[in-house]
Protein backbone atom coordinates (compact mmCIF):
# COMPACT_ATOMS: atom_id res chain seq x y z
CA MET A 1 -7.40 -17.56 26.00
CA ALA A 2 -7.40 -21.26 26.61
CA GLY A 3 -9.56 -23.29 24.26
CA ILE A 4 -10.62 -20.37 22.07
CA ARG A 5 -9.38 -20.30 18.49
CA PHE A 6 -8.20 -16.88 17.44
CA GLU A 7 -7.30 -15.94 13.84
CA VAL A 8 -6.83 -12.60 12.09
CA LEU A 9 -8.41 -12.59 8.64
CA ALA A 10 -8.13 -10.03 5.87
CA PRO A 11 -11.55 -9.22 4.38
CA SER A 12 -9.99 -8.96 0.92
CA ARG A 13 -8.81 -12.58 1.16
CA LEU A 14 -12.15 -14.09 2.16
CA GLN A 15 -14.09 -16.13 -0.35
CA ARG A 16 -17.51 -14.62 -0.85
CA PRO A 17 -20.53 -16.77 -1.71
CA ALA A 18 -21.52 -16.33 -5.37
CA GLY A 19 -24.40 -13.96 -5.92
CA GLU A 20 -24.49 -12.62 -2.37
CA ARG A 21 -25.51 -8.99 -2.61
CA VAL A 22 -26.97 -8.23 0.81
CA LYS A 23 -24.37 -7.98 3.56
CA THR A 24 -25.42 -8.23 7.19
CA ASP A 25 -23.46 -8.91 10.36
CA ALA A 26 -25.41 -12.13 10.87
CA ARG A 27 -24.58 -13.43 7.39
CA ASP A 28 -20.95 -12.40 7.80
CA ALA A 29 -20.76 -14.23 11.15
CA LEU A 30 -22.25 -17.42 9.68
CA HIS A 31 -19.91 -17.21 6.69
CA LEU A 32 -16.85 -16.76 8.95
CA ALA A 33 -17.95 -19.66 11.17
CA LYS A 34 -18.24 -21.94 8.11
CA LEU A 35 -14.83 -20.87 6.79
CA LEU A 36 -13.22 -21.49 10.18
CA ARG A 37 -14.88 -24.88 10.57
CA LEU A 38 -13.68 -25.99 7.12
CA ASP A 39 -10.23 -24.32 7.38
CA GLU A 40 -11.07 -22.44 4.16
CA PHE A 41 -9.39 -19.15 4.96
CA THR A 42 -6.00 -17.46 4.84
CA ALA A 43 -4.87 -16.03 8.16
CA VAL A 44 -2.76 -12.90 8.13
CA ARG A 45 -0.11 -11.67 10.52
CA VAL A 46 -0.58 -8.29 12.16
CA PRO A 47 2.55 -6.19 11.56
CA SER A 48 4.52 -4.97 14.57
CA LEU A 49 4.59 -1.28 15.43
CA ALA A 50 8.11 -1.01 13.99
CA GLU A 51 7.03 -2.70 10.73
CA GLU A 52 4.00 -0.44 10.43
CA ALA A 53 6.16 2.64 11.08
CA ALA A 54 8.57 1.53 8.33
CA ARG A 55 5.66 1.02 5.92
CA ASP A 56 4.34 4.49 6.78
CA LEU A 57 7.78 5.97 6.09
CA VAL A 58 8.00 4.22 2.71
CA ARG A 59 4.49 5.42 1.76
CA ALA A 60 5.38 8.98 2.80
CA ARG A 61 8.63 8.87 0.81
CA GLU A 62 6.80 7.58 -2.27
CA GLY A 63 4.23 10.36 -1.86
CA VAL A 64 6.91 13.05 -1.66
CA ALA A 65 8.81 11.58 -4.63
CA GLY A 66 5.59 11.46 -6.67
CA ALA A 67 4.73 15.05 -5.78
CA ALA A 68 8.26 16.14 -6.72
CA ARG A 69 7.94 14.35 -10.07
CA ARG A 70 4.61 16.03 -10.81
CA HIS A 71 5.87 19.50 -9.88
CA LEU A 72 9.12 19.11 -11.82
CA ALA A 73 7.27 17.71 -14.85
CA ALA A 74 5.15 20.84 -14.85
CA CYS A 75 8.39 22.81 -15.15
CA GLY A 76 9.74 20.62 -17.97
CA GLU A 77 12.16 18.70 -15.76
CA ARG A 78 12.37 14.98 -15.07
CA VAL A 79 13.32 13.17 -11.87
CA THR A 80 15.80 10.49 -12.89
CA ASP A 81 16.61 9.10 -9.47
CA VAL A 82 15.35 9.27 -5.91
CA GLY A 83 17.96 7.97 -3.53
CA GLU A 84 19.18 8.14 0.02
CA ARG A 85 22.72 9.29 0.61
CA GLU A 86 24.30 10.01 3.97
CA GLY A 87 20.98 9.86 5.76
CA ARG A 88 19.12 12.32 3.55
CA PHE A 89 16.96 11.91 0.49
CA GLU A 90 18.15 13.45 -2.76
CA LEU A 91 16.53 13.95 -6.14
CA ALA A 92 18.56 13.78 -9.34
CA VAL A 93 16.94 16.08 -11.86
CA ARG A 94 17.47 16.18 -15.62
CA ARG A 95 16.27 19.26 -17.44
CA ASP A 96 14.42 18.55 -20.67
CA VAL A 97 15.38 21.87 -22.23
CA SER A 98 17.21 22.22 -25.53
CA PRO A 99 20.32 24.43 -25.74
CA HIS A 100 18.24 26.87 -27.82
CA GLY A 101 15.66 27.46 -25.12
CA ARG A 102 12.56 25.64 -24.08
CA HIS A 103 10.84 25.72 -27.46
CA GLY A 104 13.91 25.63 -29.58
């Protein structure tokens, strides 16, 4: 696109005018045009498909680890480590049970 400036902006990184409560497409467009004209914005880079897939995998792993922690905690056990060994994920579990039984 020759002659056309193209930037990807993250809405969370845009400065909002103080006291602006009503949002409309027209106001947003004017606000973006002013930010672009003054170079008062932070452009972001769109992640590649491989980067996004890796992020999805990390989020899924964190979700599974968190679910495992919650379920084990309900049984009186504690996850002490979540690690990857030989291509598979493993949980190290420590039982919080006294030698005299659970209440002992």
